[in-house]
């Protein structure tokens, strides 16, 4: 059999000749002829009628042909694309019937070319898909409900994306009304710009009104607005619900026109009805700020005050009427303020001439004692001259102070005189001629003297260098308020060095 040379994808018929009883090809076939498409050595064994055999061989070779390559050049912002068949070919025939190496097409789709190799004469076929080159996108408009979001995209067939908000992904989420543009680039480097408008649907406003049934534990909540359906946190589905407990209640409603979901909530608070009586105790001279509680629309006290909180300085019984800020319901409460007098204190001194000491006793019903020398007992024994003061506190935390000055002065007869200074712990400048003034008392007048008195804010309310002068409770030509005042004094007796002493006094009107 002869040898053959074929082009790629061609076929050749190998024929062993006629007149034989049987055929057996190296491919396993048993016909006289076989069709061959691949290069290789092919042999056949033939047998005649007498059983004699012979073998024939044929060599099939593939011709070497140039590879064809189709390149597509897009003309951006134009509907045409140029396709070129690259390789060593003598002729071309395109699916468009063109016969040149390059063609220009205006439509997308599949294009094929059949070319003849210059050297081998073999036919080569190839095809290419011409996609759409981006140029223009129609504007896209979306509508979403307030609080919702939407995912927008110009499509998935591009090499890159650049949105006006800086994003570079194919898809972005938009949650508010906005206008966005996106520049897309395809695999050929062509670009196009698309614009998307996202609008918010107009939805009805929902308003929850609460109607309290005063002196009753129920409240009616109504969702006002144009809505097609309601679902409350209580599982009710009507526009109005009646609740018996305080707390937060919410409703989800569907707008009739837009179909958007609207959510609102309201806090149902206690409707005032009755306040239990409140009782407070303060020390005489102190004051207390009282209040029925915050969160009410208005307050009216029995003394005419309209503020939430008022200061009380004396024993009193006050009524307050409060109005609820939501329901308008009213309630009355009573507040009682009792005053506790300060503990009584009286200092006594016993001298022991044998050992030159003095026993100072604070006679009082108080529970706690605090002396100026640090002692905390009802009695102290002292051996030094000077001022000794004590503050006593009772079980109600009310306190009183008193002081005594111990001094010995040599006389011309070599006798000694004990000086005692007493400061009152309270006075009442109410013009009843009883304890109307704060006065320091000594069993001997000092040769030098000064007295300073301060209020709780550190303001000096009184000052004198005259031992005979006392404070009448007036400050800046006005009566000073009730309360506790601190004082300190400096006095000189005889030839002794000046001594300082201090204490507290309660002003009661």
Protein backbone atom coordinates (compact mmCIF):
# COMPACT_ATOMS: atom_id res chain seq x y z
CA UNK A 1 0.00 0.00 0.00
CA UNK A 2 1.21 3.55 -0.66
CA UNK A 3 2.12 6.10 2.02
CA UNK A 4 0.02 9.25 2.54
CA UNK A 5 0.43 12.83 3.86
CA UNK A 6 -2.76 14.57 5.06
CA UNK A 7 -3.74 17.87 6.60
CA UNK A 8 -4.91 18.09 10.21
CA UNK A 9 -8.58 17.08 10.54
CA UNK A 10 -8.50 15.47 7.02
CA UNK A 11 -9.05 11.75 6.32
CA UNK A 12 -7.55 9.14 3.95
CA UNK A 13 -8.94 5.77 2.79
CA UNK A 14 -6.54 2.85 3.03
CA UNK A 15 -7.50 0.00 0.58
CA UNK A 16 -5.96 -3.49 0.83
CA UNK A 17 -7.34 -4.50 -2.59
CA UNK A 18 -10.01 -7.01 -3.52
CA UNK A 19 -10.04 -10.77 -4.07
CA UNK A 20 -9.09 -11.93 -0.58
CA UNK A 21 -11.07 -14.16 1.69
CA UNK A 22 -10.40 -12.06 4.85
CA UNK A 23 -8.75 -8.86 6.13
CA UNK A 24 -7.32 -7.96 9.54
CA UNK A 25 -6.02 -4.42 10.09
CA UNK A 26 -3.71 -3.35 12.88
CA UNK A 27 -6.64 -1.22 14.09
CA UNK A 28 -8.67 -4.43 14.54
CA UNK A 29 -10.98 -3.69 11.62
CA UNK A 30 -11.75 -6.60 9.16
CA UNK A 31 -12.97 -4.66 6.09
CA UNK A 32 -11.19 -4.21 2.79
CA UNK A 33 -10.97 -0.43 3.36
CA UNK A 34 -10.51 1.72 6.47
CA UNK A 35 -10.74 5.50 7.01
CA UNK A 36 -7.78 7.06 8.82
CA UNK A 37 -7.67 10.55 10.43
CA UNK A 38 -4.54 10.25 12.57
CA UNK A 39 -0.89 9.93 11.58
CA UNK A 40 0.74 6.55 12.11
CA UNK A 41 1.74 3.18 10.65
CA UNK A 42 -1.16 1.02 9.52
CA UNK A 43 -0.76 -2.66 8.48
CA UNK A 44 -3.19 -5.26 7.12
CA UNK A 45 -2.98 -9.06 6.95
CA UNK A 46 -4.88 -10.59 4.01
CA UNK A 47 -5.78 -14.30 3.57
CA UNK A 48 -6.78 -15.90 0.23
CA UNK A 49 -9.08 -18.84 -0.37
CA UNK A 50 -6.19 -21.27 0.00
CA UNK A 51 -5.31 -19.94 3.45
CA UNK A 52 -2.18 -18.20 2.27
CA UNK A 53 -1.44 -14.82 3.98
CA UNK A 54 0.37 -11.60 3.12
CA UNK A 55 1.04 -8.35 5.05
CA UNK A 56 0.99 -4.79 3.66
CA UNK A 57 1.92 -1.54 5.45
CA UNK A 58 1.08 2.16 4.86
CA UNK A 59 2.57 5.24 6.57
CA UNK A 60 0.20 8.23 7.17
CA UNK A 61 1.87 11.56 8.07
CA UNK A 62 0.27 14.95 9.09
CA UNK A 63 1.30 18.03 7.17
CA UNK A 64 2.72 20.92 9.27
CA UNK A 65 0.32 23.89 9.11
CA UNK A 66 0.49 27.36 10.62
CA UNK A 67 -1.67 28.06 13.70
CA UNK A 68 -4.38 30.63 13.14
CA UNK A 69 -5.15 33.24 15.80
CA UNK A 70 -8.07 35.66 15.72
CA UNK A 71 -7.59 39.01 17.47
CA UNK A 72 -10.43 41.46 18.15
CA UNK A 73 -9.79 45.19 18.29
CA UNK A 74 -12.68 47.17 19.71
CA UNK A 75 -13.23 50.74 18.67
CA UNK A 76 -14.44 52.16 22.00
CA UNK A 77 -17.52 54.38 21.95
CA UNK A 78 -18.31 52.89 18.51
CA UNK A 79 -20.40 49.90 17.58
CA UNK A 80 -17.69 48.35 15.34
CA UNK A 81 -14.93 45.82 16.09
CA UNK A 82 -12.00 44.71 13.91
CA UNK A 83 -11.17 40.95 13.67
CA UNK A 84 -7.78 39.88 12.25
CA UNK A 85 -6.66 36.34 11.32
CA UNK A 86 -2.96 36.11 12.15
CA UNK A 87 -0.64 33.46 10.55
CA UNK A 88 0.87 32.43 7.18
CA UNK A 89 -2.18 31.80 4.98
CA UNK A 90 -2.80 32.22 1.27
CA UNK A 91 -6.55 32.70 1.34
CA UNK A 92 -9.40 33.45 3.71
CA UNK A 93 -13.14 32.98 3.66
CA UNK A 94 -15.12 34.47 6.59
CA UNK A 95 -18.63 33.64 7.77
CA UNK A 96 -19.45 37.15 6.56
CA UNK A 97 -18.21 36.12 3.02
CA UNK A 98 -15.25 38.48 3.33
CA UNK A 99 -11.94 37.15 1.90
CA UNK A 100 -9.41 39.47 3.55
CA UNK A 101 -7.20 38.78 6.54
CA UNK A 102 -9.08 41.43 8.58
CA UNK A 103 -12.76 42.28 8.69
CA UNK A 104 -14.76 44.96 10.51
CA UNK A 105 -18.10 43.99 12.06
CA UNK A 106 -20.84 46.10 13.57
CA UNK A 107 -22.82 43.44 15.43
CA UNK A 108 -22.08 41.22 18.38
CA UNK A 109 -22.00 37.47 17.86
CA UNK A 110 -19.80 34.56 16.71
CA UNK A 111 -17.56 35.04 13.63
CA UNK A 112 -15.56 32.25 11.91
CA UNK A 113 -12.84 32.12 9.21
CA UNK A 114 -11.54 29.33 6.94
CA UNK A 115 -7.93 29.89 5.84
CA UNK A 116 -5.54 27.99 3.54
CA UNK A 117 -1.99 27.41 4.77
CA UNK A 118 0.61 28.80 2.31
CA UNK A 119 3.05 25.89 2.66
CA UNK A 120 0.90 22.86 3.33
CA UNK A 121 -2.26 23.94 1.57
CA UNK A 122 -4.21 22.72 4.58
CA UNK A 123 -7.48 24.31 5.59
CA UNK A 124 -7.59 25.87 9.10
CA UNK A 125 -10.84 27.02 10.80
CA UNK A 126 -11.21 29.30 13.84
CA UNK A 127 -13.96 31.45 15.39
CA UNK A 128 -14.31 34.27 17.91
CA UNK A 129 -17.17 35.81 19.94
CA UNK A 130 -17.54 39.57 19.64
CA UNK A 131 -19.25 40.82 22.86
CA UNK A 132 -20.96 44.13 23.42
CA UNK A 133 -18.50 46.99 23.92
CA UNK A 134 -19.75 49.25 26.75
CA UNK A 135 -20.83 52.65 25.62
CA UNK A 136 -24.11 53.71 27.19
CA UNK A 137 -26.33 52.45 29.97
CA UNK A 138 -29.88 53.66 30.45
CA UNK A 139 -30.53 55.38 33.79
CA UNK A 140 -31.82 53.02 36.47
CA UNK A 141 -34.32 54.21 39.09
CA UNK A 142 -35.15 52.39 42.32
CA UNK A 143 -37.56 53.13 45.18
CA UNK A 144 -37.12 51.84 48.72
CA UNK A 145 -38.86 52.30 52.04
CA UNK A 146 -37.24 54.34 54.81
CA UNK A 147 -34.94 52.10 56.80
CA UNK A 148 -34.62 49.55 53.98
CA UNK A 149 -31.67 49.01 51.65
CA UNK A 150 -31.19 47.84 48.07
CA UNK A 151 -28.32 46.21 46.18
CA UNK A 152 -27.62 47.79 42.77
CA UNK A 153 -25.31 46.63 39.96
CA UNK A 154 -24.57 47.60 36.32
CA UNK A 155 -23.96 43.95 35.43
CA UNK A 156 -21.30 41.29 35.96
CA UNK A 157 -19.48 41.19 32.57
CA UNK A 158 -16.87 43.88 33.20
CA UNK A 159 -13.24 43.91 34.21
CA UNK A 160 -13.50 46.77 36.71
CA UNK A 161 -15.99 49.09 38.43
CA UNK A 162 -15.62 52.55 39.94
CA UNK A 163 -18.59 54.09 41.75
CA UNK A 164 -19.00 57.77 42.52
CA UNK A 165 -18.80 56.96 46.26
CA UNK A 166 -15.39 55.32 45.77
CA UNK A 167 -16.54 51.68 45.85
CA UNK A 168 -14.89 49.31 43.35
CA UNK A 169 -17.15 46.26 43.66
CA UNK A 170 -19.71 45.13 41.11
CA UNK A 171 -22.60 45.51 43.58
CA UNK A 172 -23.16 48.06 46.34
CA UNK A 173 -25.82 48.47 49.02
CA UNK A 174 -27.73 51.76 49.23
CA UNK A 175 -29.72 52.64 52.38
CA UNK A 176 -30.76 56.25 51.73
CA UNK A 177 -31.99 58.36 48.85
CA UNK A 178 -29.02 58.97 46.57
CA UNK A 179 -27.81 59.44 43.00
CA UNK A 180 -24.87 57.21 42.08
CA UNK A 181 -22.84 56.80 38.92
CA UNK A 182 -20.56 53.90 38.03
CA UNK A 183 -17.80 53.73 35.43
CA UNK A 184 -17.32 50.22 34.03
CA UNK A 185 -14.33 48.99 32.00
CA UNK A 186 -14.48 45.83 29.88
CA UNK A 187 -11.65 43.45 29.01
CA UNK A 188 -10.82 45.58 25.96
CA UNK A 189 -10.31 48.75 28.01
CA UNK A 190 -13.51 50.37 26.78
CA UNK A 191 -15.47 52.34 29.38
CA UNK A 192 -19.03 53.46 29.91
CA UNK A 193 -20.90 55.34 32.64
CA UNK A 194 -24.23 54.36 34.18
CA UNK A 195 -26.36 56.39 36.61
CA UNK A 196 -28.72 55.00 39.25
CA UNK A 197 -31.32 56.98 41.21
CA UNK A 198 -32.48 55.63 44.57
CA UNK A 199 -35.62 57.32 45.91
CA UNK A 200 -37.39 56.94 49.25
CA UNK A 201 -41.03 56.02 49.09
CA UNK A 202 -43.36 58.49 50.75
CA UNK A 203 -44.93 56.83 53.79
CA UNK A 204 -47.49 58.11 56.24
CA UNK A 205 -46.21 59.18 59.65
CA UNK A 206 -47.40 57.05 62.53
CA UNK A 207 -48.33 58.66 65.82
CA UNK A 208 -49.15 56.81 69.02
CA UNK A 209 -51.54 58.54 71.39
CA UNK A 210 -52.09 57.32 74.95
CA UNK A 211 -55.37 57.90 76.76
CA UNK A 212 -55.13 57.22 80.47
CA UNK A 213 -58.20 56.31 82.45
CA UNK A 214 -57.44 58.21 85.64
CA UNK A 215 -57.83 56.32 88.91
CA UNK A 216 -57.80 53.14 86.81
CA UNK A 217 -54.92 50.87 85.90
CA UNK A 218 -55.77 50.76 82.15
CA UNK A 219 -54.56 52.95 79.29
CA UNK A 220 -55.69 53.04 75.66
CA UNK A 221 -53.01 53.33 72.94
CA UNK A 222 -54.05 54.33 69.39
CA UNK A 223 -51.92 54.22 66.22
CA UNK A 224 -52.94 57.20 64.10
CA UNK A 225 -52.26 57.35 60.34
CA UNK A 226 -53.18 55.72 57.00
CA UNK A 227 -52.19 52.10 57.45
CA UNK A 228 -53.59 48.84 56.13
CA UNK A 229 -52.47 46.54 58.95
CA UNK A 230 -51.12 46.62 62.49
CA UNK A 231 -49.23 44.18 64.67
CA UNK A 232 -48.55 45.19 68.28
CA UNK A 233 -45.97 43.83 70.68
CA UNK A 234 -49.00 42.43 72.53
CA UNK A 235 -49.93 40.45 69.34
CA UNK A 236 -53.05 42.62 68.84
CA UNK A 237 -53.85 43.59 65.23
CA UNK A 238 -56.23 46.53 65.70
CA UNK A 239 -55.47 50.23 65.46
CA UNK A 240 -56.14 50.69 69.20
CA UNK A 241 -55.28 48.49 72.16
CA UNK A 242 -56.01 48.70 75.88
CA UNK A 243 -53.24 47.76 78.32
CA UNK A 244 -53.24 47.28 82.06
CA UNK A 245 -49.51 47.25 82.79
CA UNK A 246 -46.83 49.91 82.59
CA UNK A 247 -43.98 49.43 80.12
CA UNK A 248 -42.93 49.94 76.51
CA UNK A 249 -45.43 49.05 73.76
CA UNK A 250 -44.56 48.98 70.05
CA UNK A 251 -46.56 48.63 66.83
CA UNK A 252 -45.54 47.66 63.29
CA UNK A 253 -47.88 49.13 60.67
CA UNK A 254 -48.05 48.83 56.85
CA UNK A 255 -48.60 52.02 54.85
CA UNK A 256 -51.66 51.83 52.59
CA UNK A 257 -50.07 53.56 49.57
CA UNK A 258 -46.37 52.68 49.66
CA UNK A 259 -46.53 49.30 51.36
CA UNK A 260 -43.68 50.39 53.61
CA UNK A 261 -43.35 49.16 57.18
CA UNK A 262 -43.45 51.83 59.91
CA UNK A 263 -42.53 51.10 63.53
CA UNK A 264 -43.19 53.23 66.60
CA UNK A 265 -43.28 52.71 70.35
CA UNK A 266 -44.55 54.47 73.45
CA UNK A 267 -43.82 54.17 77.16
CA UNK A 268 -46.87 53.74 79.37
CA UNK A 269 -46.03 55.02 82.84
CA UNK A 270 -47.85 54.85 86.13
CA UNK A 271 -50.86 57.13 86.22
CA UNK A 272 -50.72 59.00 89.55
CA UNK A 273 -53.49 58.31 91.99
CA UNK A 274 -52.19 58.14 95.53
CA UNK A 275 -48.91 58.84 97.27
CA UNK A 276 -48.15 57.38 100.69
CA UNK A 277 -47.29 59.92 103.36
CA UNK A 278 -43.58 60.68 103.60
CA UNK A 279 -42.06 61.62 106.96
CA UNK A 280 -38.67 63.25 107.52
CA UNK A 281 -36.81 64.37 110.64
CA UNK A 282 -34.20 67.12 110.74
CA UNK A 283 -32.16 68.69 113.47
CA UNK A 284 -33.26 72.09 114.68
CA UNK A 285 -31.56 74.74 112.59
CA UNK A 286 -31.03 72.43 109.62
CA UNK A 287 -33.07 72.27 106.43
CA UNK A 288 -34.14 69.51 104.05
CA UNK A 289 -35.07 69.39 100.37
CA UNK A 290 -38.24 67.36 99.76
CA UNK A 291 -39.85 66.15 96.53
CA UNK A 292 -42.73 63.83 95.53
CA UNK A 293 -40.61 62.61 92.59
CA UNK A 294 -39.64 63.79 89.12
CA UNK A 295 -41.43 63.25 85.82
CA UNK A 296 -44.65 65.13 86.48
CA UNK A 297 -46.05 67.95 84.40
CA UNK A 298 -46.87 70.24 87.31
CA UNK A 299 -46.58 70.56 91.08
CA UNK A 300 -48.66 72.58 93.52
CA UNK A 301 -47.65 72.67 97.18
CA UNK A 302 -49.93 73.72 100.02
CA UNK A 303 -47.56 76.65 100.69
CA UNK A 304 -48.08 77.89 97.11
CA UNK A 305 -44.79 76.64 95.65
CA UNK A 306 -44.93 75.15 92.11
CA UNK A 307 -41.47 73.59 91.83
CA UNK A 308 -40.68 69.89 92.05
CA UNK A 309 -38.44 70.35 95.10
CA UNK A 310 -38.74 72.74 98.04
CA UNK A 311 -36.58 73.43 101.08
CA UNK A 312 -38.12 73.05 104.54
CA UNK A 313 -36.36 74.54 107.58
CA UNK A 314 -38.92 74.05 110.34
CA UNK A 315 -41.40 71.41 111.41
CA UNK A 316 -44.27 71.43 108.94
CA UNK A 317 -46.90 69.30 107.21
CA UNK A 318 -47.19 69.94 103.48
CA UNK A 319 -49.55 68.65 100.80
CA UNK A 320 -48.48 68.47 97.14
CA UNK A 321 -50.70 67.92 94.11
CA UNK A 322 -48.93 66.47 91.04
CA UNK A 323 -50.22 66.20 87.45
CA UNK A 324 -49.02 63.46 85.09
CA UNK A 325 -47.19 64.78 82.01
CA UNK A 326 -48.95 62.34 79.65
CA UNK A 327 -52.36 61.52 81.06
CA UNK A 328 -53.13 64.73 82.94
CA UNK A 329 -54.22 62.61 85.92
CA UNK A 330 -53.66 64.14 89.36
CA UNK A 331 -52.66 62.77 92.74
CA UNK A 332 -52.13 64.26 96.20
CA UNK A 333 -49.34 63.38 98.58
CA UNK A 334 -48.55 64.47 102.13
CA UNK A 335 -45.05 65.15 103.47
CA UNK A 336 -44.39 65.64 107.18
CA UNK A 337 -41.18 67.27 108.45
CA UNK A 338 -40.36 66.98 112.15
CA UNK A 339 -37.57 68.88 113.89
CA UNK A 340 -35.43 67.37 116.61
CA UNK A 341 -33.96 69.81 119.16
CA UNK A 342 -30.20 69.72 119.61
CA UNK A 343 -28.91 67.82 122.61
CA UNK A 344 -28.56 69.83 125.80
CA UNK A 345 -25.01 70.33 127.02
CA UNK A 346 -23.69 72.01 130.16
CA UNK A 347 -20.01 72.10 131.04
CA UNK A 348 -18.93 71.95 134.68
CA UNK A 349 -15.38 72.28 136.04
CA UNK A 350 -13.88 70.84 139.25
CA UNK A 351 -10.37 71.94 140.23
CA UNK A 352 -7.89 69.78 142.09
CA UNK A 353 -5.44 72.13 143.79
CA UNK A 354 -3.29 69.26 144.98
CA UNK A 355 -2.13 68.27 141.53
CA UNK A 356 -3.04 71.44 139.59
CA UNK A 357 -5.59 69.68 137.34
CA UNK A 358 -9.17 70.38 136.36
CA UNK A 359 -11.95 67.85 135.68
CA UNK A 360 -14.25 69.09 132.91
CA UNK A 361 -17.59 67.29 132.61
CA UNK A 362 -19.95 67.56 129.65
CA UNK A 363 -23.37 67.08 131.19
CA UNK A 364 -25.56 65.88 128.32
CA UNK A 365 -27.97 63.15 127.18
CA UNK A 366 -26.03 62.75 123.92
CA UNK A 367 -24.39 59.48 122.90
CA UNK A 368 -21.13 60.69 121.32
CA UNK A 369 -18.54 63.18 122.53
CA UNK A 370 -15.69 64.79 120.65
CA UNK A 371 -13.32 67.07 122.59
CA UNK A 372 -10.88 69.49 121.07
CA UNK A 373 -8.02 67.49 122.58
CA UNK A 374 -9.20 64.31 120.81
CA UNK A 375 -10.92 62.67 123.78
CA UNK A 376 -14.30 60.99 123.21
CA UNK A 377 -15.54 60.59 126.81
CA UNK A 378 -18.04 62.67 128.82
CA UNK A 379 -15.22 63.84 131.15
CA UNK A 380 -11.66 64.93 130.60
CA UNK A 381 -8.90 65.87 133.06
CA UNK A 382 -6.60 68.69 131.96
CA UNK A 383 -3.44 70.15 133.43
CA UNK A 384 -2.76 72.93 130.94
CA UNK A 385 -4.32 76.34 130.59
CA UNK A 386 -6.36 76.91 127.45
CA UNK A 387 -9.68 76.56 125.69
CA UNK A 388 -11.40 73.17 125.77
CA UNK A 389 -14.41 72.59 123.55
CA UNK A 390 -16.66 69.60 123.06
CA UNK A 391 -19.22 68.65 120.41
CA UNK A 392 -21.88 66.14 121.40
CA UNK A 393 -24.03 64.16 118.95
CA UNK A 394 -27.26 62.35 119.82
CA UNK A 395 -28.94 59.33 118.22
CA UNK A 396 -30.57 61.60 115.61
CA UNK A 397 -27.17 62.93 114.51
CA UNK A 398 -28.05 66.33 115.95
CA UNK A 399 -25.20 68.09 117.69
CA UNK A 400 -24.38 70.87 120.12
CA UNK A 401 -21.08 72.44 121.11
CA UNK A 402 -19.79 74.16 124.20
CA UNK A 403 -16.40 75.29 125.42
CA UNK A 404 -14.63 76.41 128.56
CA UNK A 405 -11.41 78.35 129.00
CA UNK A 406 -9.17 77.25 131.88
CA UNK A 407 -6.51 79.68 133.09
CA UNK A 408 -4.78 80.62 136.30
CA UNK A 409 -3.72 84.26 136.89
CA UNK A 410 -1.42 85.29 139.70
CA UNK A 411 -2.73 88.23 141.75
CA UNK A 412 -0.71 90.67 143.84
CA UNK A 413 -1.43 88.45 146.81
CA UNK A 414 0.02 85.44 144.96
CA UNK A 415 -3.49 84.00 144.68
CA UNK A 416 -4.72 82.36 141.47
CA UNK A 417 -7.94 83.10 139.61
CA UNK A 418 -9.50 80.54 137.28
CA UNK A 419 -10.96 81.98 134.09
CA UNK A 420 -13.99 80.21 132.60
CA UNK A 421 -15.40 81.14 129.16
CA UNK A 422 -18.76 79.77 128.09
CA UNK A 423 -20.20 79.91 124.56
CA UNK A 424 -23.90 79.12 123.98
CA UNK A 425 -24.67 76.37 121.45
CA UNK A 426 -27.86 77.99 120.14
CA UNK A 427 -29.72 81.29 120.13
CA UNK A 428 -33.06 82.50 118.76
CA UNK A 429 -33.10 86.10 117.51
CA UNK A 430 -36.90 86.33 117.39
CA UNK A 431 -37.19 89.40 119.64
CA UNK A 432 -38.78 87.52 122.54
CA UNK A 433 -35.95 88.76 124.78
CA UNK A 434 -34.87 85.17 125.46
CA UNK A 435 -31.52 84.12 123.93
CA UNK A 436 -31.90 86.80 121.25
CA UNK A 437 -28.14 87.27 120.78
CA UNK A 438 -25.02 85.12 120.55
CA UNK A 439 -22.70 86.24 123.37
CA UNK A 440 -19.47 84.81 124.79
CA UNK A 441 -19.38 84.82 128.60
CA UNK A 442 -16.27 84.92 130.80
CA UNK A 443 -15.92 85.27 134.54
CA UNK A 444 -13.34 87.97 133.86
CA UNK A 445 -13.33 90.46 131.02
CA UNK A 446 -10.43 90.00 128.58
CA UNK A 447 -8.01 92.85 128.01
CA UNK A 448 -7.97 92.08 124.26
CA UNK A 449 -10.72 90.38 122.28
CA UNK A 450 -11.94 89.55 118.74
CA UNK A 451 -14.81 87.35 117.52
CA UNK A 452 -15.43 85.96 113.98
CA UNK A 453 -18.61 84.12 112.84
CA UNK A 454 -19.02 82.28 109.48
CA UNK A 455 -21.95 80.66 107.67
CA UNK A 456 -21.81 77.23 106.01
CA UNK A 457 -20.47 78.74 102.75
CA UNK A 458 -17.49 80.34 104.50
CA UNK A 459 -18.85 83.90 104.42
CA UNK A 460 -18.01 86.03 107.44
CA UNK A 461 -21.36 87.16 108.83
CA UNK A 462 -20.12 88.93 112.00
CA UNK A 463 -16.91 90.41 113.41
CA UNK A 464 -16.13 92.47 116.50
CA UNK A 465 -13.20 93.41 118.75
CA UNK A 466 -15.52 94.56 121.53
CA UNK A 467 -16.06 91.87 124.15
CA UNK A 468 -19.32 93.51 125.18
CA UNK A 469 -20.74 93.33 121.64
CA UNK A 470 -22.75 90.25 120.55
CA UNK A 471 -24.36 89.02 117.27
CA UNK A 472 -28.07 89.61 116.75
CA UNK A 473 -28.41 87.22 113.78
CA UNK A 474 -28.35 90.00 111.15
CA UNK A 475 -26.18 89.70 108.02
CA UNK A 476 -26.08 92.34 105.27
CA UNK A 477 -28.99 94.12 107.00
CA UNK A 478 -31.17 91.01 106.65
CA UNK A 479 -32.00 88.19 109.08
CA UNK A 480 -29.54 85.33 108.58
CA UNK A 481 -31.20 81.97 107.78
CA UNK A 482 -31.60 79.20 110.30
CA UNK A 483 -28.67 76.84 110.48
CA UNK A 484 -25.33 76.09 112.05
CA UNK A 485 -22.59 78.75 112.14
CA UNK A 486 -18.91 78.36 112.97
CA UNK A 487 -17.16 80.85 115.23
CA UNK A 488 -13.70 81.45 116.57
CA UNK A 489 -12.41 84.00 119.05
CA UNK A 490 -9.10 85.26 120.41
CA UNK A 491 -8.82 86.72 123.91
CA UNK A 492 -6.05 87.90 126.22
CA UNK A 493 -6.42 87.77 130.00
CA UNK A 494 -4.04 89.72 132.20
CA UNK A 495 -0.45 89.20 131.20
CA UNK A 496 -1.08 85.80 129.63
CA UNK A 497 -0.51 85.26 125.93
CA UNK A 498 -3.60 85.55 123.69
CA UNK A 499 -5.52 82.31 123.30
CA UNK A 500 -7.77 81.15 120.45
CA UNK A 501 -10.90 79.05 120.83
CA UNK A 502 -13.73 78.01 118.50
CA UNK A 503 -17.09 76.26 118.24
CA UNK A 504 -20.49 76.08 116.55
CA UNK A 505 -23.77 77.82 117.27
CA UNK A 506 -27.22 77.04 115.89
CA UNK A 507 -29.46 79.95 114.86
CA UNK A 508 -33.17 79.22 115.43
CA UNK A 509 -35.94 81.70 114.70
